[in-house]
Amino acid sequence: MNLSEEIKELVIARLDTLSPDKKISIGSFGEFTKEQIIQHVQKGDSIGNKMIEIEMEFLCAIKDGLV
């Protein structure tokens, strides 16, 4: 498994902890269910990549003590 696959798995694991009825809004892309976002991350499309970017920025902020 390469690094990008490991990052996808990390993001999917974090998303999987959300409540099933949770809606996620990603700017101009719109609003998605937890399952829809997970599918986009698995596909590696533009929506999935944006979610990965958001999650990685959040995790870096936690690591740096900003959150």
Protein backbone atom coordinates (compact mmCIF):
# COMPACT_ATOMS: atom_id res chain seq x y z
CA MET A 1 0.00 0.00 0.00
CA ASN A 2 1.50 3.35 -1.00
CA LEU A 3 1.28 6.57 0.97
CA SER A 4 -1.70 7.95 -0.95
CA GLU A 5 -3.64 4.73 -0.30
CA GLU A 6 -2.75 4.92 3.40
CA ILE A 7 -3.96 8.53 3.53
CA LYS A 8 -7.23 7.52 1.81
CA GLU A 9 -7.71 4.75 4.38
CA LEU A 10 -7.03 7.20 7.23
CA VAL A 11 -9.57 9.70 5.86
CA ILE A 12 -12.15 6.96 5.31
CA ALA A 13 -11.62 5.68 8.86
CA ARG A 14 -12.17 9.19 10.24
CA LEU A 15 -15.29 9.67 8.09
CA ASP A 16 -16.61 6.28 9.18
CA THR A 17 -16.81 7.56 12.78
CA LEU A 18 -19.41 10.16 11.78
CA SER A 19 -23.09 9.58 12.41
CA PRO A 20 -24.80 8.02 9.34
CA ASP A 21 -27.28 10.91 9.13
CA LYS A 22 -24.50 13.53 9.14
CA LYS A 23 -24.35 15.80 6.07
CA ILE A 24 -21.03 17.23 4.92
CA SER A 25 -20.87 20.44 2.92
CA ILE A 26 -17.84 21.01 0.71
CA GLY A 27 -17.94 24.54 -0.64
CA SER A 28 -19.23 24.81 -4.18
CA PHE A 29 -19.33 21.00 -4.56
CA GLY A 30 -22.49 20.85 -2.43
CA GLU A 31 -23.73 18.70 0.44
CA PHE A 32 -23.09 14.97 0.77
CA THR A 33 -23.92 12.08 3.07
CA LYS A 34 -21.15 10.27 4.90
CA GLU A 35 -21.41 7.33 2.49
CA GLN A 36 -21.27 9.56 -0.58
CA ILE A 37 -18.11 11.27 0.67
CA ILE A 38 -16.49 7.89 1.44
CA GLN A 39 -17.28 6.76 -2.12
CA HIS A 40 -15.71 9.92 -3.55
CA VAL A 41 -12.57 9.41 -1.45
CA GLN A 42 -12.34 5.78 -2.61
CA LYS A 43 -12.68 6.88 -6.27
CA GLY A 44 -10.07 9.60 -5.84
CA ASP A 45 -12.14 12.12 -7.79
CA SER A 46 -12.10 15.89 -7.28
CA ILE A 47 -14.60 15.77 -4.41
CA GLY A 48 -12.72 12.93 -2.72
CA ASN A 49 -9.39 14.70 -3.16
CA LYS A 50 -10.84 17.90 -1.66
CA MET A 51 -12.06 15.92 1.36
CA ILE A 52 -8.60 14.38 1.76
CA GLU A 53 -7.04 17.84 1.58
CA ILE A 54 -9.45 19.18 4.23
CA GLU A 55 -8.82 16.24 6.57
CA MET A 56 -5.04 16.43 6.20
CA GLU A 57 -5.04 20.18 6.92
CA PHE A 58 -7.14 19.51 10.02
CA LEU A 59 -4.82 16.73 11.23
CA CYS A 60 -1.76 18.93 10.66
CA ALA A 61 -3.40 21.74 12.64
CA ILE A 62 -4.01 19.32 15.51
CA LYS A 63 -0.38 18.14 15.36
CA ASP A 64 0.85 21.75 15.41
CA GLY A 65 -1.38 22.58 18.40
CA LEU A 66 -3.55 25.00 16.45
CA VAL A 67 -6.76 23.12 17.28
